[in-house]
PDB file of N, CA and C in Angstrom:
ATOM      1  N   MET A   1     128.800 181.597 147.434  1.00  0.00           N
ATOM      2  CA  MET A   1     130.040 181.071 146.939  1.00  0.00           C
ATOM      3  C   MET A   1     131.165 181.846 147.618  1.00  0.00           C
ATOM      4  N   PHE A   2     132.102 181.119 148.195  1.00  0.00           N
ATOM      5  CA  PHE A   2     133.246 181.742 148.837  1.00  0.00           C
ATOM      6  C   PHE A   2     134.487 181.429 148.015  1.00  0.00           C
ATOM      7  N   LEU A   3     135.174 182.464 147.598  1.00  0.00           N
ATOM      8  CA  LEU A   3     136.383 182.299 146.799  1.00  0.00           C
ATOM      9  C   LEU A   3     137.527 183.029 147.469  1.00  0.00           C
ATOM     10  N   GLN A   4     138.709 182.481 147.327  1.00  0.00           N
ATOM     11  CA  GLN A   4     139.877 183.149 147.879  1.00  0.00           C
ATOM     12  C   GLN A   4     140.278 184.253 146.908  1.00  0.00           C
ATOM     13  N   SER A   5     140.104 185.485 147.317  1.00  0.00           N
ATOM     14  CA  SER A   5     140.288 186.615 146.402  1.00  0.00           C
ATOM     15  C   SER A   5     141.727 186.805 145.946  1.00  0.00           C
ATOM     16  N   SER A   6     142.666 186.230 146.659  1.00  0.00           N
ATOM     17  CA  SER A   6     144.059 186.409 146.265  1.00  0.00           C
ATOM     18  C   SER A   6     144.473 185.477 145.126  1.00  0.00           C
ATOM     19  N   LEU A   7     143.608 184.561 144.732  1.00  0.00           N
ATOM     20  CA  LEU A   7     143.920 183.639 143.643  1.00  0.00           C
ATOM     21  C   LEU A   7     143.226 184.097 142.362  1.00  0.00           C
ATOM     22  N   ASP A   8     143.992 184.663 141.448  1.00  0.00           N
ATOM     23  CA  ASP A   8     143.420 185.178 140.210  1.00  0.00           C
ATOM     24  C   ASP A   8     142.717 184.097 139.389  1.00  0.00           C
ATOM     25  N   GLU A   9     143.270 182.872 139.394  1.00  0.00           N
ATOM     26  CA  GLU A   9     142.667 181.807 138.584  1.00  0.00           C
ATOM     27  C   GLU A   9     141.290 181.387 139.091  1.00  0.00           C
ATOM     28  N   LEU A  10     140.962 181.695 140.353  1.00  0.00           N
ATOM     29  CA  LEU A  10     139.634 181.385 140.874  1.00  0.00           C
ATOM     30  C   LEU A  10     138.726 182.607 140.916  1.00  0.00           C
ATOM     31  N   ASP A  11     139.249 183.740 140.544  1.00  0.00           N
ATOM     32  CA  ASP A  11     138.459 184.970 140.584  1.00  0.00           C
ATOM     33  C   ASP A  11     137.822 185.222 139.217  1.00  0.00           C
ATOM     34  N   ASN A  12     137.092 184.237 138.737  1.00  0.00           N
ATOM     35  CA  ASN A  12     136.472 184.353 137.416  1.00  0.00           C
ATOM     36  C   ASN A  12     135.033 183.860 137.436  1.00  0.00           C
ATOM     37  N   HIS A  13     134.303 184.198 138.473  1.00  0.00           N
ATOM     38  CA  HIS A  13     132.924 183.745 138.589  1.00  0.00           C
ATOM     39  C   HIS A  13     132.001 184.586 137.691  1.00  0.00           C
ATOM     40  N   ILE A  14     130.869 183.998 137.385  1.00  0.00           N
ATOM     41  CA  ILE A  14     129.863 184.675 136.559  1.00  0.00           C
ATOM     42  C   ILE A  14     128.545 184.668 137.324  1.00  0.00           C
ATOM     43  N   ILE A  15     127.901 185.818 137.394  1.00  0.00           N
ATOM     44  CA  ILE A  15     126.584 185.943 138.025  1.00  0.00           C
ATOM     45  C   ILE A  15     125.554 185.890 136.908  1.00  0.00           C
ATOM     46  N   HIS A  16     124.644 184.937 136.973  1.00  0.00           N
ATOM     47  CA  HIS A  16     123.646 184.727 135.907  1.00  0.00           C
ATOM     48  C   HIS A  16     122.299 185.307 136.342  1.00  0.00           C
ATOM     49  N   LEU A  17     122.132 186.584 136.140  1.00  0.00           N
ATOM     50  CA  LEU A  17     120.896 187.260 136.555  1.00  0.00           C
ATOM     51  C   LEU A  17     119.666 186.713 135.837  1.00  0.00           C
ATOM     52  N   ASP A  18     119.835 186.280 134.605  1.00  0.00           N
ATOM     53  CA  ASP A  18     118.698 185.812 133.814  1.00  0.00           C
ATOM     54  C   ASP A  18     118.322 184.353 134.102  1.00  0.00           C
ATOM     55  N   TRP A  19     119.054 183.664 134.967  1.00  0.00           N
ATOM     56  CA  TRP A  19     118.765 182.269 135.282  1.00  0.00           C
ATOM     57  C   TRP A  19     117.939 182.112 136.558  1.00  0.00           C
ATOM     58  N   CYS A  20     117.501 183.174 137.175  1.00  0.00           N
ATOM     59  CA  CYS A  20     116.862 183.056 138.491  1.00  0.00           C
ATOM     60  C   CYS A  20     115.410 182.585 138.428  1.00  0.00           C
ATOM     61  N   LEU A  21     114.747 182.683 137.291  1.00  0.00           N
ATOM     62  CA  LEU A  21     113.354 182.268 137.126  1.00  0.00           C
ATOM     63  C   LEU A  21     112.487 182.920 138.203  1.00  0.00           C
ATOM     64  N   THR A  22     111.755 182.125 138.994  1.00  0.00           N
ATOM     65  CA  THR A  22     110.850 182.710 139.997  1.00  0.00           C
ATOM     66  C   THR A  22     111.521 182.883 141.357  1.00  0.00           C
ATOM     67  N   SER A  23     112.748 182.485 141.466  1.00  0.00           N
ATOM     68  CA  SER A  23     113.462 182.587 142.738  1.00  0.00           C
ATOM     69  C   SER A  23     114.074 183.973 142.891  1.00  0.00           C
ATOM     70  N   ASN A  24     114.338 184.337 144.131  1.00  0.00           N
ATOM     71  CA  ASN A  24     115.038 185.601 144.360  1.00  0.00           C
ATOM     72  C   ASN A  24     116.542 185.366 144.509  1.00  0.00           C
ATOM     73  N   HIS A  25     116.972 184.144 144.211  1.00  0.00           N
ATOM     74  CA  HIS A  25     118.390 183.802 144.236  1.00  0.00           C
ATOM     75  C   HIS A  25     118.927 183.805 142.812  1.00  0.00           C
ATOM     76  N   VAL A  26     120.199 184.087 142.688  1.00  0.00           N
ATOM     77  CA  VAL A  26     120.824 184.109 141.373  1.00  0.00           C
ATOM     78  C   VAL A  26     121.886 183.014 141.336  1.00  0.00           C
ATOM     79  N   LEU A  27     121.980 182.344 140.204  1.00  0.00           N
ATOM     80  CA  LEU A  27     122.980 181.293 140.058  1.00  0.00           C
ATOM     81  C   LEU A  27     124.341 181.898 139.762  1.00  0.00           C
ATOM     82  N   LEU A  28     125.350 181.289 140.354  1.00  0.00           N
ATOM     83  CA  LEU A  28     126.726 181.678 140.108  1.00  0.00           C
ATOM     84  C   LEU A  28     127.459 180.482 139.534  1.00  0.00           C
ATOM     85  N   THR A  29     128.361 180.731 138.622  1.00  0.00           N
ATOM     86  CA  THR A  29     129.209 179.648 138.118  1.00  0.00           C
ATOM     87  C   THR A  29     130.654 180.107 138.182  1.00  0.00           C
ATOM     88  N   ILE A  30     131.523 179.134 138.247  1.00  0.00           N
ATOM     89  CA  ILE A  30     132.950 179.406 138.227  1.00  0.00           C
ATOM     90  C   ILE A  30     133.634 178.294 137.460  1.00  0.00           C
ATOM     91  N   ALA A  31     134.605 178.663 136.668  1.00  0.00           N
ATOM     92  CA  ALA A  31     135.422 177.673 135.959  1.00  0.00           C
ATOM     93  C   ALA A  31     136.707 177.506 136.751  1.00  0.00           C
ATOM     94  N   ILE A  32     136.949 176.299 137.192  1.00  0.00           N
ATOM     95  CA  ILE A  32     138.156 176.017 137.958  1.00  0.00           C
ATOM     96  C   ILE A  32     139.149 175.335 137.028  1.00  0.00           C
ATOM     97  N   PRO A  33     140.285 175.964 136.799  1.00  0.00           N
ATOM     98  CA  PRO A  33     141.264 175.367 135.890  1.00  0.00           C
ATOM     99  C   PRO A  33     141.884 174.115 136.503  1.00  0.00           C
ATOM    100  N   THR A  34     142.088 173.128 135.675  1.00  0.00           N
ATOM    101  CA  THR A  34     142.740 171.907 136.123  1.00  0.00           C
ATOM    102  C   THR A  34     143.906 171.607 135.204  1.00  0.00           C
ATOM    103  N   ILE A  35     144.843 170.876 135.716  1.00  0.00           N
ATOM    104  CA  ILE A  35     146.002 170.481 134.930  1.00  0.00           C
ATOM    105  C   ILE A  35     145.735 169.099 134.361  1.00  0.00           C
ATOM    106  N   GLU A  36     145.948 168.971 133.063  1.00  0.00           N
ATOM    107  CA  GLU A  36     145.775 167.651 132.460  1.00  0.00           C
ATOM    108  C   GLU A  36     146.975 166.805 132.850  1.00  0.00           C
ATOM    109  N   LYS A  37     146.703 165.736 133.549  1.00  0.00           N
ATOM    110  CA  LYS A  37     147.777 164.903 134.055  1.00  0.00           C
ATOM    111  C   LYS A  37     147.309 163.456 134.056  1.00  0.00           C
ATOM    112  N   ASN A  38     148.137 162.601 133.563  1.00  0.00           N
ATOM    113  CA  ASN A  38     147.832 161.168 133.598  1.00  0.00           C
ATOM    114  C   ASN A  38     148.341 160.588 134.900  1.00  0.00           C
ATOM    115  N   ILE A  39     147.473 159.887 135.586  1.00  0.00           N
ATOM    116  CA  ILE A  39     147.857 159.224 136.825  1.00  0.00           C
ATOM    117  C   ILE A  39     147.753 157.722 136.587  1.00  0.00           C
ATOM    118  N   ASN A  40     148.893 157.090 136.573  1.00  0.00           N
ATOM    119  CA  ASN A  40     148.910 155.646 136.360  1.00  0.00           C
ATOM    120  C   ASN A  40     148.541 154.953 137.662  1.00  0.00           C
ATOM    121  N   SER A  41     147.662 153.993 137.556  1.00  0.00           N
ATOM    122  CA  SER A  41     147.287 153.240 138.746  1.00  0.00           C
ATOM    123  C   SER A  41     147.323 151.755 138.429  1.00  0.00           C
ATOM    124  N   VAL A  42     147.538 151.011 139.454  1.00  0.00           N
ATOM    125  CA  VAL A  42     147.611 149.561 139.310  1.00  0.00           C
ATOM    126  C   VAL A  42     146.563 148.944 140.217  1.00  0.00           C
ATOM    127  N   LYS A  43     145.820 148.054 139.670  1.00  0.00           N
ATOM    128  CA  LYS A  43     144.815 147.346 140.468  1.00  0.00           C
ATOM    129  C   LYS A  43     145.306 145.924 140.671  1.00  0.00           C
ATOM    130  N   ARG A  44     145.497 145.598 141.930  1.00  0.00           N
ATOM    131  CA  ARG A  44     145.908 144.237 142.237  1.00  0.00           C
ATOM    132  C   ARG A  44     144.677 143.444 142.634  1.00  0.00           C
ATOM    133  N   SER A  45     144.606 142.240 142.165  1.00  0.00           N
ATOM    134  CA  SER A  45     143.457 141.404 142.525  1.00  0.00           C
ATOM    135  C   SER A  45     143.905 139.958 142.666  1.00  0.00           C
ATOM    136  N   ILE A  46     143.125 139.247 143.433  1.00  0.00           N
ATOM    137  CA  ILE A  46     143.350 137.821 143.645  1.00  0.00           C
ATOM    138  C   ILE A  46     142.068 137.113 143.256  1.00  0.00           C
ATOM    139  N   VAL A  47     142.213 136.063 142.508  1.00  0.00           N
ATOM    140  CA  VAL A  47     141.045 135.296 142.072  1.00  0.00           C
ATOM    141  C   VAL A  47     140.399 134.639 143.295  1.00  0.00           C
ATOM    142  N   LYS A  48     139.087 134.873 143.417  1.00  0.00           N
ATOM    143  CA  LYS A  48     138.353 134.324 144.554  1.00  0.00           C
ATOM    144  C   LYS A  48     138.420 132.799 144.546  1.00  0.00           C
ATOM    145  N   GLY A  49     138.729 132.259 145.731  1.00  0.00           N
ATOM    146  CA  GLY A  49     138.776 130.809 145.885  1.00  0.00           C
ATOM    147  C   GLY A  49     140.090 130.183 145.454  1.00  0.00           C
ATOM    148  N   SER A  50     141.028 130.997 144.993  1.00  0.00           N
ATOM    149  CA  SER A  50     142.309 130.467 144.522  1.00  0.00           C
ATOM    150  C   SER A  50     143.233 130.168 145.700  1.00  0.00           C
ATOM    151  N   GLU A  51     144.290 129.419 145.413  1.00  0.00           N
ATOM    152  CA  GLU A  51     145.290 129.136 146.436  1.00  0.00           C
ATOM    153  C   GLU A  51     145.971 130.432 146.887  1.00  0.00           C
ATOM    154  N   GLU A  52     146.157 131.360 145.950  1.00  0.00           N
ATOM    155  CA  GLU A  52     146.761 132.650 146.270  1.00  0.00           C
ATOM    156  C   GLU A  52     145.898 133.410 147.289  1.00  0.00           C
ATOM    157  N   GLU A  53     144.568 133.358 147.113  1.00  0.00           N
ATOM    158  CA  GLU A  53     143.672 134.025 148.048  1.00  0.00           C
ATOM    159  C   GLU A  53     143.775 133.380 149.427  1.00  0.00           C
ATOM    160  N   LYS A  54     143.782 132.056 149.467  1.00  0.00           N
ATOM    161  CA  LYS A  54     143.861 131.353 150.743  1.00  0.00           C
ATOM    162  C   LYS A  54     145.160 131.692 151.474  1.00  0.00           C
ATOM    163  N   LEU A  55     146.281 131.739 150.744  1.00  0.00           N
ATOM    164  CA  LEU A  55     147.564 132.077 151.334  1.00  0.00           C
ATOM    165  C   LEU A  55     147.563 133.520 151.843  1.00  0.00           C
ATOM    166  N   PHE A  56     146.999 134.438 151.054  1.00  0.00           N
ATOM    167  CA  PHE A  56     146.917 135.847 151.451  1.00  0.00           C
ATOM    168  C   PHE A  56     146.131 135.994 152.749  1.00  0.00           C
ATOM    169  N   ILE A  57     144.990 135.340 152.839  1.00  0.00           N
ATOM    170  CA  ILE A  57     144.143 135.419 154.040  1.00  0.00           C
ATOM    171  C   ILE A  57     144.881 134.846 155.243  1.00  0.00           C
ATOM    172  N   LYS A  58     145.571 133.718 155.056  1.00  0.00           N
ATOM    173  CA  LYS A  58     146.342 133.123 156.160  1.00  0.00           C
ATOM    174  C   LYS A  58     147.421 134.091 156.649  1.00  0.00           C
ATOM    175  N   GLU A  59     148.130 134.728 155.702  1.00  0.00           N
ATOM    176  CA  GLU A  59     149.198 135.656 156.079  1.00  0.00           C
ATOM    177  C   GLU A  59     148.644 136.871 156.826  1.00  0.00           C
ATOM    178  N   VAL A  60     147.532 137.401 156.361  1.00  0.00           N
ATOM    179  CA  VAL A  60     146.936 138.569 157.004  1.00  0.00           C
ATOM    180  C   VAL A  60     146.447 138.219 158.403  1.00  0.00           C
ATOM    181  N   ILE A  61     145.801 137.073 158.549  1.00  0.00           N
ATOM    182  CA  ILE A  61     145.317 136.647 159.870  1.00  0.00           C
ATOM    183  C   ILE A  61     146.486 136.434 160.828  1.00  0.00           C
ATOM    184  N   ALA A  62     147.543 135.790 160.368  1.00  0.00           N
ATOM    185  CA  ALA A  62     148.710 135.547 161.225  1.00  0.00           C
ATOM    186  C   ALA A  62     149.348 136.872 161.633  1.00  0.00           C
ATOM    187  N   SER A  63     149.463 137.789 160.703  1.00  0.00           N
ATOM    188  CA  SER A  63     150.042 139.095 161.016  1.00  0.00           C
ATOM    189  C   SER A  63     149.153 139.876 161.971  1.00  0.00           C
ATOM    190  N   PHE A  64     147.849 139.791 161.768  1.00  0.00           N
ATOM    191  CA  PHE A  64     146.895 140.490 162.637  1.00  0.00           C
ATOM    192  C   PHE A  64     146.999 139.969 164.066  1.00  0.00           C
ATOM    193  N   LYS A  65     147.119 138.653 164.187  1.00  0.00           N
ATOM    194  CA  LYS A  65     147.236 138.053 165.522  1.00  0.00           C
ATOM    195  C   LYS A  65     148.508 138.503 166.230  1.00  0.00           C
ATOM    196  N   SER A  66     149.532 138.848 165.452  1.00  0.00           N
ATOM    197  CA  SER A  66     150.806 139.242 166.065  1.00  0.00           C
ATOM    198  C   SER A  66     150.826 140.701 166.524  1.00  0.00           C
ATOM    199  N   LEU A  67     149.820 141.478 166.158  1.00  0.00           N
ATOM    200  CA  LEU A  67     149.763 142.875 166.588  1.00  0.00           C
ATOM    201  C   LEU A  67     149.509 142.955 168.092  1.00  0.00           C
ATOM    202  N   ASN A  68     150.216 143.859 168.759  1.00  0.00           N
ATOM    203  CA  ASN A  68     150.040 144.039 170.199  1.00  0.00           C
ATOM    204  C   ASN A  68     148.885 145.015 170.427  1.00  0.00           C
ATOM    205  N   MET A  69     147.729 144.491 170.819  1.00  0.00           N
ATOM    206  CA  MET A  69     146.543 145.316 171.038  1.00  0.00           C
ATOM    207  C   MET A  69     146.191 145.423 172.520  1.00  0.00           C
ATOM    208  N   SER A  70     147.155 145.125 173.365  1.00  0.00           N
ATOM    209  CA  SER A  70     146.884 145.156 174.799  1.00  0.00           C
ATOM    210  C   SER A  70     146.896 146.568 175.370  1.00  0.00           C
ATOM    211  N   ASN A  71     147.361 147.522 174.608  1.00  0.00           N
ATOM    212  CA  ASN A  71     147.517 148.876 175.120  1.00  0.00           C
ATOM    213  C   ASN A  71     146.645 149.884 174.368  1.00  0.00           C
ATOM    214  N   LEU A  72     145.458 149.498 173.967  1.00  0.00           N
ATOM    215  CA  LEU A  72     144.566 150.398 173.235  1.00  0.00           C
ATOM    216  C   LEU A  72     143.800 151.265 174.231  1.00  0.00           C
ATOM    217  N   LEU A  73     144.427 152.357 174.621  1.00  0.00           N
ATOM    218  CA  LEU A  73     143.842 153.212 175.647  1.00  0.00           C
ATOM    219  C   LEU A  73     143.255 154.498 175.095  1.00  0.00           C
ATOM    220  N   ASP A  74     143.608 154.835 173.860  1.00  0.00           N
ATOM    221  CA  ASP A  74     143.120 156.087 173.295  1.00  0.00           C
ATOM    222  C   ASP A  74     143.070 155.987 171.770  1.00  0.00           C
ATOM    223  N   ILE A  75     142.565 157.026 171.155  1.00  0.00           N
ATOM    224  CA  ILE A  75     142.416 157.040 169.696  1.00  0.00           C
ATOM    225  C   ILE A  75     143.770 156.943 169.006  1.00  0.00           C
ATOM    226  N   SER A  76     144.767 157.589 169.563  1.00  0.00           N
ATOM    227  CA  SER A  76     146.104 157.575 168.965  1.00  0.00           C
ATOM    228  C   SER A  76     146.665 156.152 168.864  1.00  0.00           C
ATOM    229  N   SER A  77     146.531 155.392 169.937  1.00  0.00           N
ATOM    230  CA  SER A  77     147.041 154.016 169.907  1.00  0.00           C
ATOM    231  C   SER A  77     146.215 153.147 168.962  1.00  0.00           C
ATOM    232  N   LEU A  78     144.918 153.401 168.878  1.00  0.00           N
ATOM    233  CA  LEU A  78     144.072 152.667 167.932  1.00  0.00           C
ATOM    234  C   LEU A  78     144.473 152.987 166.499  1.00  0.00           C
ATOM    235  N   GLU A  79     144.709 154.269 166.224  1.00  0.00           N
ATOM    236  CA  GLU A  79     145.126 154.663 164.872  1.00  0.00           C
ATOM    237  C   GLU A  79     146.459 154.024 164.501  1.00  0.00           C
ATOM    238  N   LYS A  80     147.350 153.905 165.454  1.00  0.00           N
ATOM    239  CA  LYS A  80     148.642 153.255 165.199  1.00  0.00           C
ATOM    240  C   LYS A  80     148.439 151.802 164.818  1.00  0.00           C
ATOM    241  N   ILE A  81     147.606 151.092 165.561  1.00  0.00           N
ATOM    242  CA  ILE A  81     147.340 149.680 165.253  1.00  0.00           C
ATOM    243  C   ILE A  81     146.690 149.545 163.877  1.00  0.00           C
ATOM    244  N   VAL A  82     145.733 150.404 163.575  1.00  0.00           N
ATOM    245  CA  VAL A  82     145.063 150.349 162.269  1.00  0.00           C
ATOM    246  C   VAL A  82     146.071 150.624 161.156  1.00  0.00           C
ATOM    247  N   GLY A  83     146.960 151.590 161.365  1.00  0.00           N
ATOM    248  CA  GLY A  83     148.012 151.872 160.382  1.00  0.00           C
ATOM    249  C   GLY A  83     148.950 150.692 160.201  1.00  0.00           C
ATOM    250  N   ASP A  84     149.332 150.073 161.309  1.00  0.00           N
ATOM    251  CA  ASP A  84     150.190 148.887 161.232  1.00  0.00           C
ATOM    252  C   ASP A  84     149.503 147.770 160.455  1.00  0.00           C
ATOM    253  N   PHE A  85     148.213 147.572 160.715  1.00  0.00           N
ATOM    254  CA  PHE A  85     147.466 146.531 160.009  1.00  0.00           C
ATOM    255  C   PHE A  85     147.383 146.847 158.515  1.00  0.00           C
ATOM    256  N   ALA A  86     147.154 148.114 158.176  1.00  0.00           N
ATOM    257  CA  ALA A  86     147.103 148.518 156.761  1.00  0.00           C
ATOM    258  C   ALA A  86     148.432 148.232 156.085  1.00  0.00           C
ATOM    259  N   ASP A  87     149.532 148.489 156.778  1.00  0.00           N
ATOM    260  CA  ASP A  87     150.860 148.204 156.225  1.00  0.00           C
ATOM    261  C   ASP A  87     151.041 146.702 155.976  1.00  0.00           C
ATOM    262  N   ILE A  88     150.561 145.899 156.931  1.00  0.00           N
ATOM    263  CA  ILE A  88     150.667 144.436 156.789  1.00  0.00           C
ATOM    264  C   ILE A  88     149.929 143.967 155.539  1.00  0.00           C
ATOM    265  N   VAL A  89     148.702 144.460 155.370  1.00  0.00           N
ATOM    266  CA  VAL A  89     147.891 144.046 154.215  1.00  0.00           C
ATOM    267  C   VAL A  89     148.553 144.508 152.927  1.00  0.00           C
ATOM    268  N   ALA A  90     149.099 145.731 152.923  1.00  0.00           N
ATOM    269  CA  ALA A  90     149.732 146.265 151.714  1.00  0.00           C
ATOM    270  C   ALA A  90     150.973 145.450 151.326  1.00  0.00           C
ATOM    271  N   LYS A  91     151.673 144.944 152.315  1.00  0.00           N
ATOM    272  CA  LYS A  91     152.902 144.179 152.040  1.00  0.00           C
ATOM    273  C   LYS A  91     152.623 142.721 151.708  1.00  0.00           C
ATOM    274  N   SER A  92     151.447 142.223 152.041  1.00  0.00           N
ATOM    275  CA  SER A  92     151.139 140.798 151.826  1.00  0.00           C
ATOM    276  C   SER A  92     150.853 140.502 150.376  1.00  0.00           C
TER     277      SER A  92
END
């Protein structure tokens, strides 16, 4: 187990000598403090086969076709195109 020694909240491990059974290894545990926080999330969905789904697919395909993919020479340019496509889908 590797812990950052400068963080007091993580410097609370326990060595369980009596948990080793027949092994020559000893179990270690650590309690990692977490902050109780509510994260609101929204799930967007489209009913399969609906007119909304058909329109969404048409918009995404049209936007995808408009992307300039003639200059995909390296990973950076590919990542840019993928990011642009993700933005298109998110906005549709």
